[in-house]
Amino acid sequence: MKLSPATGARWALAIRRTGRAEAAPQGRPKGKGKLDPHLGFFAEIIAQDGDITMPELSAALFDATRVRAHPNAIGKFLRKLGYTYKKSHWSPPNVTVPR
C-alpha cells in the first residue's frame, strides 16, 4: 500500500498519542448549521401563514435577522425537521389540517 509521507507522519503521531490510528470526523458537525438557531422563527412564520413560499421565507429571515439563506436550503432544513408541503400550505410535524 502506498501512502504519502505526510499521511504516514499523521498516522504515526496518532498511534503515539492514542495507541491507534483512526479516521478523523468528516464534514460539518450535526446541529451546527446557520438555520438551527432560527427554528422558532420558521415555526412562527409558518403558523401565521401556511401558504408562504421558500423565497418569502428567505426574505422574511433576512429582514428579521440579516441572515441570508437560499430558499432550497430552508426547504431542506424544514423537511429534515419533519415539515411537509401539501399542495397549498406547509404543515408542522405530526399536525393534521382540517379539509
PDB file of N, CA and C in Angstrom:
ATOM      1  N   MET A   1       0.852  -1.176   0.000  1.00  0.00           N
ATOM      2  CA  MET A   1       0.000   0.000   0.000  1.00  0.00           C
ATOM      3  C   MET A   1       0.895   1.235   0.000  1.00  0.00           C
ATOM      4  N   LYS A   2       0.575   2.178  -0.888  1.00  0.00           N
ATOM      5  CA  LYS A   2       1.338   3.417  -0.952  1.00  0.00           C
ATOM      6  C   LYS A   2       0.601   4.513  -0.186  1.00  0.00           C
ATOM      7  N   LEU A   3       1.370   5.294   0.563  1.00  0.00           N
ATOM      8  CA  LEU A   3       0.779   6.465   1.174  1.00  0.00           C
ATOM      9  C   LEU A   3       1.818   7.562   1.264  1.00  0.00           C
ATOM     10  N   SER A   4       1.327   8.776   1.325  1.00  0.00           N
ATOM     11  CA  SER A   4       2.237   9.916   1.298  1.00  0.00           C
ATOM     12  C   SER A   4       2.984  10.024   2.623  1.00  0.00           C
ATOM     13  N   PRO A   5       4.147  10.673   2.585  1.00  0.00           N
ATOM     14  CA  PRO A   5       4.903  10.875   3.829  1.00  0.00           C
ATOM     15  C   PRO A   5       4.099  11.656   4.871  1.00  0.00           C
ATOM     16  N   ALA A   6       3.297  12.628   4.425  1.00  0.00           N
ATOM     17  CA  ALA A   6       2.504  13.416   5.373  1.00  0.00           C
ATOM     18  C   ALA A   6       1.467  12.540   6.077  1.00  0.00           C
ATOM     19  N   THR A   7       0.821  11.653   5.325  1.00  0.00           N
ATOM     20  CA  THR A   7      -0.174  10.760   5.923  1.00  0.00           C
ATOM     21  C   THR A   7       0.503   9.797   6.891  1.00  0.00           C
ATOM     22  N   GLY A   8       1.656   9.269   6.518  1.00  0.00           N
ATOM     23  CA  GLY A   8       2.407   8.389   7.411  1.00  0.00           C
ATOM     24  C   GLY A   8       2.774   9.090   8.705  1.00  0.00           C
ATOM     25  N   ALA A   9       3.182  10.345   8.604  1.00  0.00           N
ATOM     26  CA  ALA A   9       3.548  11.106   9.796  1.00  0.00           C
ATOM     27  C   ALA A   9       2.324  11.341  10.690  1.00  0.00           C
ATOM     28  N   ARG A  10       1.153  11.664  10.079  1.00  0.00           N
ATOM     29  CA  ARG A  10      -0.065  11.866  10.869  1.00  0.00           C
ATOM     30  C   ARG A  10      -0.495  10.583  11.560  1.00  0.00           C
ATOM     31  N   TRP A  11      -0.409   9.458  10.845  1.00  0.00           N
ATOM     32  CA  TRP A  11      -0.779   8.177  11.442  1.00  0.00           C
ATOM     33  C   TRP A  11       0.184   7.823  12.573  1.00  0.00           C
ATOM     34  N   ALA A  12       1.472   8.039  12.367  1.00  0.00           N
ATOM     35  CA  ALA A  12       2.454   7.724  13.408  1.00  0.00           C
ATOM     36  C   ALA A  12       2.206   8.569  14.658  1.00  0.00           C
ATOM     37  N   LEU A  13       1.902   9.846  14.473  1.00  0.00           N
ATOM     38  CA  LEU A  13       1.603  10.717  15.604  1.00  0.00           C
ATOM     39  C   LEU A  13       0.347  10.235  16.343  1.00  0.00           C
ATOM     40  N   ALA A  14      -0.681   9.863  15.586  1.00  0.00           N
ATOM     41  CA  ALA A  14      -1.916   9.366  16.202  1.00  0.00           C
ATOM     42  C   ALA A  14      -1.654   8.082  16.987  1.00  0.00           C
ATOM     43  N   ILE A  15      -0.827   7.204  16.447  1.00  0.00           N
ATOM     44  CA  ILE A  15      -0.512   5.949  17.138  1.00  0.00           C
ATOM     45  C   ILE A  15       0.268   6.231  18.413  1.00  0.00           C
ATOM     46  N   ARG A  16       1.204   7.176  18.373  1.00  0.00           N
ATOM     47  CA  ARG A  16       1.958   7.529  19.577  1.00  0.00           C
ATOM     48  C   ARG A  16       1.052   8.144  20.642  1.00  0.00           C
ATOM     49  N   ARG A  17       0.095   8.960  20.219  1.00  0.00           N
ATOM     50  CA  ARG A  17      -0.774   9.637  21.182  1.00  0.00           C
ATOM     51  C   ARG A  17      -1.863   8.733  21.748  1.00  0.00           C
ATOM     52  N   THR A  18      -2.513   7.942  20.898  1.00  0.00           N
ATOM     53  CA  THR A  18      -3.694   7.202  21.332  1.00  0.00           C
ATOM     54  C   THR A  18      -3.528   5.691  21.285  1.00  0.00           C
ATOM     55  N   GLY A  19      -2.468   5.210  20.652  1.00  0.00           N
ATOM     56  CA  GLY A  19      -2.262   3.781  20.531  1.00  0.00           C
ATOM     57  C   GLY A  19      -2.869   3.186  19.272  1.00  0.00           C
ATOM     58  N   ARG A  20      -3.607   3.987  18.506  1.00  0.00           N
ATOM     59  CA  ARG A  20      -4.163   3.505  17.240  1.00  0.00           C
ATOM     60  C   ARG A  20      -4.450   4.694  16.314  1.00  0.00           C
ATOM     61  N   ALA A  21      -4.561   4.381  15.053  1.00  0.00           N
ATOM     62  CA  ALA A  21      -4.861   5.414  14.057  1.00  0.00           C
ATOM     63  C   ALA A  21      -6.294   5.224  13.576  1.00  0.00           C
ATOM     64  N   GLU A  22      -7.104   6.256  13.711  1.00  0.00           N
ATOM     65  CA  GLU A  22      -8.494   6.214  13.262  1.00  0.00           C
ATOM     66  C   GLU A  22      -8.758   7.414  12.365  1.00  0.00           C
ATOM     67  N   ALA A  23      -9.735   7.265  11.511  1.00  0.00           N
ATOM     68  CA  ALA A  23     -10.110   8.372  10.641  1.00  0.00           C
ATOM     69  C   ALA A  23     -10.700   9.504  11.468  1.00  0.00           C
ATOM     70  N   ALA A  24     -10.367  10.715  11.101  1.00  0.00           N
ATOM     71  CA  ALA A  24     -10.918  11.882  11.771  1.00  0.00           C
ATOM     72  C   ALA A  24     -12.351  12.104  11.291  1.00  0.00           C
ATOM     73  N   PRO A  25     -13.201  12.709  12.106  1.00  0.00           N
ATOM     74  CA  PRO A  25     -14.564  13.006  11.672  1.00  0.00           C
ATOM     75  C   PRO A  25     -14.541  13.900  10.429  1.00  0.00           C
ATOM     76  N   GLN A  26     -15.463  13.654   9.526  1.00  0.00           N
ATOM     77  CA  GLN A  26     -15.531  14.410   8.285  1.00  0.00           C
ATOM     78  C   GLN A  26     -16.821  15.228   8.245  1.00  0.00           C
ATOM     79  N   GLY A  27     -16.772  16.372   7.600  1.00  0.00           N
ATOM     80  CA  GLY A  27     -17.970  17.176   7.387  1.00  0.00           C
ATOM     81  C   GLY A  27     -18.307  18.069   8.563  1.00  0.00           C
ATOM     82  N   ARG A  28     -19.418  18.764   8.399  1.00  0.00           N
ATOM     83  CA  ARG A  28     -19.883  19.699   9.413  1.00  0.00           C
ATOM     84  C   ARG A  28     -20.522  18.930  10.567  1.00  0.00           C
ATOM     85  N   PRO A  29     -20.252  19.326  11.812  1.00  0.00           N
ATOM     86  CA  PRO A  29     -20.890  18.658  12.944  1.00  0.00           C
ATOM     87  C   PRO A  29     -22.415  18.803  12.872  1.00  0.00           C
ATOM     88  N   LYS A  30     -23.149  17.785  13.290  1.00  0.00           N
ATOM     89  CA  LYS A  30     -24.605  17.821  13.267  1.00  0.00           C
ATOM     90  C   LYS A  30     -25.119  18.909  14.195  1.00  0.00           C
ATOM     91  N   GLY A  31     -26.162  19.591  13.747  1.00  0.00           N
ATOM     92  CA  GLY A  31     -26.796  20.605  14.581  1.00  0.00           C
ATOM     93  C   GLY A  31     -26.061  21.913  14.658  1.00  0.00           C
ATOM     94  N   LYS A  32     -25.114  22.147  13.775  1.00  0.00           N
ATOM     95  CA  LYS A  32     -24.337  23.372  13.840  1.00  0.00           C
ATOM     96  C   LYS A  32     -24.580  24.268  12.630  1.00  0.00           C
ATOM     97  N   GLY A  33     -25.636  24.036  11.880  1.00  0.00           N
ATOM     98  CA  GLY A  33     -25.929  24.841  10.707  1.00  0.00           C
ATOM     99  C   GLY A  33     -26.410  26.226  11.097  1.00  0.00           C
ATOM    100  N   LYS A  34     -26.378  27.146  10.156  1.00  0.00           N
ATOM    101  CA  LYS A  34     -26.759  28.513  10.483  1.00  0.00           C
ATOM    102  C   LYS A  34     -28.265  28.682  10.637  1.00  0.00           C
ATOM    103  N   LEU A  35     -29.065  27.700  10.178  1.00  0.00           N
ATOM    104  CA  LEU A  35     -30.518  27.820  10.304  1.00  0.00           C
ATOM    105  C   LEU A  35     -31.045  27.256  11.625  1.00  0.00           C
ATOM    106  N   ASP A  36     -30.297  26.416  12.306  1.00  0.00           N
ATOM    107  CA  ASP A  36     -30.758  25.809  13.556  1.00  0.00           C
ATOM    108  C   ASP A  36     -31.227  26.826  14.602  1.00  0.00           C
ATOM    109  N   PRO A  37     -30.517  27.935  14.808  1.00  0.00           N
ATOM    110  CA  PRO A  37     -30.986  28.894  15.815  1.00  0.00           C
ATOM    111  C   PRO A  37     -32.304  29.574  15.448  1.00  0.00           C
ATOM    112  N   HIS A  38     -32.745  29.443  14.199  1.00  0.00           N
ATOM    113  CA  HIS A  38     -33.930  30.154  13.733  1.00  0.00           C
ATOM    114  C   HIS A  38     -35.152  29.248  13.586  1.00  0.00           C
ATOM    115  N   LEU A  39     -35.113  28.061  14.165  1.00  0.00           N
ATOM    116  CA  LEU A  39     -36.230  27.121  14.064  1.00  0.00           C
ATOM    117  C   LEU A  39     -37.518  27.735  14.601  1.00  0.00           C
ATOM    118  N   GLY A  40     -37.452  28.399  15.742  1.00  0.00           N
ATOM    119  CA  GLY A  40     -38.632  29.045  16.321  1.00  0.00           C
ATOM    120  C   GLY A  40     -39.212  30.106  15.407  1.00  0.00           C
ATOM    121  N   PHE A  41     -38.343  30.852  14.759  1.00  0.00           N
ATOM    122  CA  PHE A  41     -38.776  31.878  13.805  1.00  0.00           C
ATOM    123  C   PHE A  41     -39.560  31.234  12.674  1.00  0.00           C
ATOM    124  N   PHE A  42     -39.021  30.145  12.094  1.00  0.00           N
ATOM    125  CA  PHE A  42     -39.709  29.470  10.996  1.00  0.00           C
ATOM    126  C   PHE A  42     -41.047  28.906  11.453  1.00  0.00           C
ATOM    127  N   ALA A  43     -41.084  28.298  12.641  1.00  0.00           N
ATOM    128  CA  ALA A  43     -42.329  27.725  13.152  1.00  0.00           C
ATOM    129  C   ALA A  43     -43.396  28.807  13.304  1.00  0.00           C
ATOM    130  N   GLU A  44     -42.996  29.976  13.806  1.00  0.00           N
ATOM    131  CA  GLU A  44     -43.938  31.081  13.996  1.00  0.00           C
ATOM    132  C   GLU A  44     -44.464  31.606  12.659  1.00  0.00           C
ATOM    133  N   ILE A  45     -43.570  31.804  11.703  1.00  0.00           N
ATOM    134  CA  ILE A  45     -43.976  32.315  10.390  1.00  0.00           C
ATOM    135  C   ILE A  45     -44.902  31.327   9.692  1.00  0.00           C
ATOM    136  N   ILE A  46     -44.571  30.036   9.754  1.00  0.00           N
ATOM    137  CA  ILE A  46     -45.391  29.015   9.091  1.00  0.00           C
ATOM    138  C   ILE A  46     -46.754  28.901   9.773  1.00  0.00           C
ATOM    139  N   ALA A  47     -46.800  29.063  11.106  1.00  0.00           N
ATOM    140  CA  ALA A  47     -48.078  29.017  11.816  1.00  0.00           C
ATOM    141  C   ALA A  47     -48.971  30.188  11.408  1.00  0.00           C
ATOM    142  N   GLN A  48     -48.363  31.343  11.147  1.00  0.00           N
ATOM    143  CA  GLN A  48     -49.126  32.520  10.733  1.00  0.00           C
ATOM    144  C   GLN A  48     -49.634  32.398   9.306  1.00  0.00           C
ATOM    145  N   ASP A  49     -48.791  31.834   8.423  1.00  0.00           N
ATOM    146  CA  ASP A  49     -49.154  31.745   7.004  1.00  0.00           C
ATOM    147  C   ASP A  49     -48.623  30.442   6.427  1.00  0.00           C
ATOM    148  N   GLY A  50     -49.467  29.435   6.357  1.00  0.00           N
ATOM    149  CA  GLY A  50     -49.066  28.131   5.838  1.00  0.00           C
ATOM    150  C   GLY A  50     -48.813  28.134   4.341  1.00  0.00           C
ATOM    151  N   ASP A  51     -49.233  29.195   3.643  1.00  0.00           N
ATOM    152  CA  ASP A  51     -49.037  29.295   2.188  1.00  0.00           C
ATOM    153  C   ASP A  51     -47.734  29.989   1.814  1.00  0.00           C
ATOM    154  N   ILE A  52     -46.908  30.325   2.764  1.00  0.00           N
ATOM    155  CA  ILE A  52     -45.691  31.088   2.475  1.00  0.00           C
ATOM    156  C   ILE A  52     -44.744  30.265   1.597  1.00  0.00           C
ATOM    157  N   THR A  53     -44.097  30.925   0.655  1.00  0.00           N
ATOM    158  CA  THR A  53     -43.182  30.246  -0.259  1.00  0.00           C
ATOM    159  C   THR A  53     -41.759  30.292   0.286  1.00  0.00           C
ATOM    160  N   MET A  54     -40.897  29.481  -0.288  1.00  0.00           N
ATOM    161  CA  MET A  54     -39.493  29.456   0.159  1.00  0.00           C
ATOM    162  C   MET A  54     -38.821  30.821  -0.057  1.00  0.00           C
ATOM    163  N   PRO A  55     -38.991  31.465  -1.226  1.00  0.00           N
ATOM    164  CA  PRO A  55     -38.376  32.792  -1.368  1.00  0.00           C
ATOM    165  C   PRO A  55     -38.910  33.797  -0.341  1.00  0.00           C
ATOM    166  N   GLU A  56     -40.202  33.710  -0.007  1.00  0.00           N
ATOM    167  CA  GLU A  56     -40.756  34.606   1.004  1.00  0.00           C
ATOM    168  C   GLU A  56     -40.176  34.295   2.385  1.00  0.00           C
ATOM    169  N   LEU A  57     -39.999  33.015   2.692  1.00  0.00           N
ATOM    170  CA  LEU A  57     -39.363  32.644   3.967  1.00  0.00           C
ATOM    171  C   LEU A  57     -37.933  33.172   4.030  1.00  0.00           C
ATOM    172  N   SER A  58     -37.221  33.042   2.922  1.00  0.00           N
ATOM    173  CA  SER A  58     -35.842  33.527   2.860  1.00  0.00           C
ATOM    174  C   SER A  58     -35.791  35.035   3.095  1.00  0.00           C
ATOM    175  N   ALA A  59     -36.695  35.769   2.448  1.00  0.00           N
ATOM    176  CA  ALA A  59     -36.738  37.229   2.610  1.00  0.00           C
ATOM    177  C   ALA A  59     -37.128  37.605   4.034  1.00  0.00           C
ATOM    178  N   ALA A  60     -38.092  36.892   4.619  1.00  0.00           N
ATOM    179  CA  ALA A  60     -38.514  37.179   5.996  1.00  0.00           C
ATOM    180  C   ALA A  60     -37.369  36.938   6.982  1.00  0.00           C
ATOM    181  N   LEU A  61     -36.635  35.856   6.768  1.00  0.00           N
ATOM    182  CA  LEU A  61     -35.487  35.568   7.630  1.00  0.00           C
ATOM    183  C   LEU A  61     -34.453  36.683   7.528  1.00  0.00           C
ATOM    184  N   PHE A  62     -34.174  37.127   6.306  1.00  0.00           N
ATOM    185  CA  PHE A  62     -33.188  38.197   6.130  1.00  0.00           C
ATOM    186  C   PHE A  62     -33.672  39.493   6.770  1.00  0.00           C
ATOM    187  N   ASP A  63     -34.950  39.843   6.569  1.00  0.00           N
ATOM    188  CA  ASP A  63     -35.481  41.083   7.147  1.00  0.00           C
ATOM    189  C   ASP A  63     -35.424  41.069   8.674  1.00  0.00           C
ATOM    190  N   ALA A  64     -35.694  39.902   9.269  1.00  0.00           N
ATOM    191  CA  ALA A  64     -35.753  39.817  10.729  1.00  0.00           C
ATOM    192  C   ALA A  64     -34.382  39.651  11.378  1.00  0.00           C
ATOM    193  N   THR A  65     -33.460  38.932  10.711  1.00  0.00           N
ATOM    194  CA  THR A  65     -32.206  38.575  11.377  1.00  0.00           C
ATOM    195  C   THR A  65     -30.948  38.958  10.611  1.00  0.00           C
ATOM    196  N   ARG A  66     -31.101  39.417   9.371  1.00  0.00           N
ATOM    197  CA  ARG A  66     -29.970  39.729   8.481  1.00  0.00           C
ATOM    198  C   ARG A  66     -29.163  38.485   8.121  1.00  0.00           C
ATOM    199  N   VAL A  67     -29.760  37.306   8.257  1.00  0.00           N
ATOM    200  CA  VAL A  67     -29.121  36.046   7.864  1.00  0.00           C
ATOM    201  C   VAL A  67     -29.639  35.682   6.485  1.00  0.00           C
ATOM    202  N   ARG A  68     -28.732  35.478   5.538  1.00  0.00           N
ATOM    203  CA  ARG A  68     -29.118  35.083   4.186  1.00  0.00           C
ATOM    204  C   ARG A  68     -29.095  33.557   4.090  1.00  0.00           C
ATOM    205  N   ALA A  69     -30.177  33.006   3.531  1.00  0.00           N
ATOM    206  CA  ALA A  69     -30.247  31.562   3.309  1.00  0.00           C
ATOM    207  C   ALA A  69     -30.985  31.332   1.995  1.00  0.00           C
ATOM    208  N   HIS A  70     -30.465  30.446   1.184  1.00  0.00           N
ATOM    209  CA  HIS A  70     -31.089  30.133  -0.094  1.00  0.00           C
ATOM    210  C   HIS A  70     -32.424  29.425   0.173  1.00  0.00           C
ATOM    211  N   PRO A  71     -33.444  29.729  -0.624  1.00  0.00           N
ATOM    212  CA  PRO A  71     -34.744  29.066  -0.421  1.00  0.00           C
ATOM    213  C   PRO A  71     -34.650  27.532  -0.408  1.00  0.00           C
ATOM    214  N   ASN A  72     -33.787  26.945  -1.232  1.00  0.00           N
ATOM    215  CA  ASN A  72     -33.643  25.489  -1.226  1.00  0.00           C
ATOM    216  C   ASN A  72     -33.080  24.987   0.099  1.00  0.00           C
ATOM    217  N   ALA A  73     -32.170  25.740   0.698  1.00  0.00           N
ATOM    218  CA  ALA A  73     -31.596  25.340   1.987  1.00  0.00           C
ATOM    219  C   ALA A  73     -32.666  25.380   3.075  1.00  0.00           C
ATOM    220  N   ILE A  74     -33.547  26.372   3.017  1.00  0.00           N
ATOM    221  CA  ILE A  74     -34.620  26.467   4.006  1.00  0.00           C
ATOM    222  C   ILE A  74     -35.584  25.297   3.847  1.00  0.00           C
ATOM    223  N   GLY A  75     -35.935  24.974   2.603  1.00  0.00           N
ATOM    224  CA  GLY A  75     -36.828  23.845   2.357  1.00  0.00           C
ATOM    225  C   GLY A  75     -36.235  22.539   2.850  1.00  0.00           C
ATOM    226  N   LYS A  76     -34.959  22.323   2.575  1.00  0.00           N
ATOM    227  CA  LYS A  76     -34.280  21.107   3.028  1.00  0.00           C
ATOM    228  C   LYS A  76     -34.247  21.047   4.554  1.00  0.00           C
ATOM    229  N   PHE A  77     -33.974  22.183   5.188  1.00  0.00           N
ATOM    230  CA  PHE A  77     -33.937  22.273   6.647  1.00  0.00           C
ATOM    231  C   PHE A  77     -35.299  21.914   7.242  1.00  0.00           C
ATOM    232  N   LEU A  78     -36.374  22.467   6.678  1.00  0.00           N
ATOM    233  CA  LEU A  78     -37.721  22.205   7.199  1.00  0.00           C
ATOM    234  C   LEU A  78     -38.137  20.753   6.973  1.00  0.00           C
ATOM    235  N   ARG A  79     -37.795  20.187   5.821  1.00  0.00           N
ATOM    236  CA  ARG A  79     -38.129  18.782   5.570  1.00  0.00           C
ATOM    237  C   ARG A  79     -37.375  17.861   6.529  1.00  0.00           C
ATOM    238  N   LYS A  80     -36.125  18.206   6.828  1.00  0.00           N
ATOM    239  CA  LYS A  80     -35.329  17.414   7.772  1.00  0.00           C
ATOM    240  C   LYS A  80     -35.982  17.407   9.154  1.00  0.00           C
ATOM    241  N   LEU A  81     -36.673  18.482   9.503  1.00  0.00           N
ATOM    242  CA  LEU A  81     -37.338  18.590  10.798  1.00  0.00           C
ATOM    243  C   LEU A  81     -38.740  17.981  10.796  1.00  0.00           C
ATOM    244  N   GLY A  82     -39.191  17.493   9.640  1.00  0.00           N
ATOM    245  CA  GLY A  82     -40.482  16.831   9.585  1.00  0.00           C
ATOM    246  C   GLY A  82     -41.603  17.644   8.974  1.00  0.00           C
ATOM    247  N   TYR A  83     -41.336  18.893   8.602  1.00  0.00           N
ATOM    248  CA  TYR A  83     -42.357  19.691   7.935  1.00  0.00           C
ATOM    249  C   TYR A  83     -42.578  19.131   6.538  1.00  0.00           C
ATOM    250  N   THR A  84     -43.823  19.202   6.099  1.00  0.00           N
ATOM    251  CA  THR A  84     -44.148  18.735   4.751  1.00  0.00           C
ATOM    252  C   THR A  84     -44.953  19.804   4.033  1.00  0.00           C
ATOM    253  N   TYR A  85     -44.860  19.818   2.716  1.00  0.00           N
ATOM    254  CA  TYR A  85     -45.610  20.774   1.904  1.00  0.00           C
ATOM    255  C   TYR A  85     -46.704  20.017   1.189  1.00  0.00           C
ATOM    256  N   LYS A  86     -47.946  20.360   1.462  1.00  0.00           N
ATOM    257  CA  LYS A  86     -49.089  19.675   0.883  1.00  0.00           C
ATOM    258  C   LYS A  86     -49.886  20.637   0.011  1.00  0.00           C
ATOM    259  N   LYS A  87     -49.609  20.649  -1.258  1.00  0.00           N
ATOM    260  CA  LYS A  87     -50.310  21.421  -2.287  1.00  0.00           C
ATOM    261  C   LYS A  87     -50.455  22.909  -1.995  1.00  0.00           C
ATOM    262  N   SER A  88     -50.978  23.310  -0.856  1.00  0.00           N
ATOM    263  CA  SER A  88     -51.231  24.733  -0.665  1.00  0.00           C
ATOM    264  C   SER A  88     -50.686  25.311   0.637  1.00  0.00           C
ATOM    265  N   HIS A  89     -50.031  24.507   1.465  1.00  0.00           N
ATOM    266  CA  HIS A  89     -49.523  25.057   2.720  1.00  0.00           C
ATOM    267  C   HIS A  89     -48.482  24.135   3.346  1.00  0.00           C
ATOM    268  N   TRP A  90     -47.680  24.709   4.224  1.00  0.00           N
ATOM    269  CA  TRP A  90     -46.704  23.939   4.995  1.00  0.00           C
ATOM    270  C   TRP A  90     -47.397  23.415   6.232  1.00  0.00           C
ATOM    271  N   SER A  91     -47.105  22.182   6.583  1.00  0.00           N
ATOM    272  CA  SER A  91     -47.671  21.586   7.791  1.00  0.00           C
ATOM    273  C   SER A  91     -46.550  21.245   8.757  1.00  0.00           C
ATOM    274  N   PRO A  92     -46.723  21.620  10.036  1.00  0.00           N
ATOM    275  CA  PRO A  92     -45.723  21.226  11.022  1.00  0.00           C
ATOM    276  C   PRO A  92     -45.745  19.714  11.202  1.00  0.00           C
ATOM    277  N   PRO A  93     -44.707  19.161  11.789  1.00  0.00           N
ATOM    278  CA  PRO A  93     -44.674  17.715  12.019  1.00  0.00           C
ATOM    279  C   PRO A  93     -45.835  17.259  12.915  1.00  0.00           C
ATOM    280  N   ASN A  94     -46.448  16.123  12.574  1.00  0.00           N
ATOM    281  CA  ASN A  94     -47.485  15.463  13.382  1.00  0.00           C
ATOM    282  C   ASN A  94     -48.702  16.328  13.641  1.00  0.00           C
ATOM    283  N   VAL A  95     -49.080  17.181  12.719  1.00  0.00           N
ATOM    284  CA  VAL A  95     -50.270  18.003  12.871  1.00  0.00           C
ATOM    285  C   VAL A  95     -51.179  17.729  11.682  1.00  0.00           C
ATOM    286  N   THR A  96     -52.439  17.458  11.957  1.00  0.00           N
ATOM    287  CA  THR A  96     -53.378  17.251  10.865  1.00  0.00           C
ATOM    288  C   THR A  96     -54.084  18.557  10.567  1.00  0.00           C
ATOM    289  N   VAL A  97     -54.366  18.789   9.319  1.00  0.00           N
ATOM    290  CA  VAL A  97     -55.016  20.012   8.880  1.00  0.00           C
ATOM    291  C   VAL A  97     -56.422  19.661   8.435  1.00  0.00           C
ATOM    292  N   PRO A  98     -57.445  20.357   8.974  1.00  0.00           N
ATOM    293  CA  PRO A  98     -58.812  20.063   8.534  1.00  0.00           C
ATOM    294  C   PRO A  98     -58.997  20.384   7.057  1.00  0.00           C
ATOM    295  N   ARG A  99     -59.785  19.563   6.381  1.00  0.00           N
ATOM    296  CA  ARG A  99     -60.034  19.779   4.944  1.00  0.00           C
ATOM    297  C   ARG A  99     -61.320  20.495   4.715  1.00  0.00           C
TER     298      ARG A  99
END
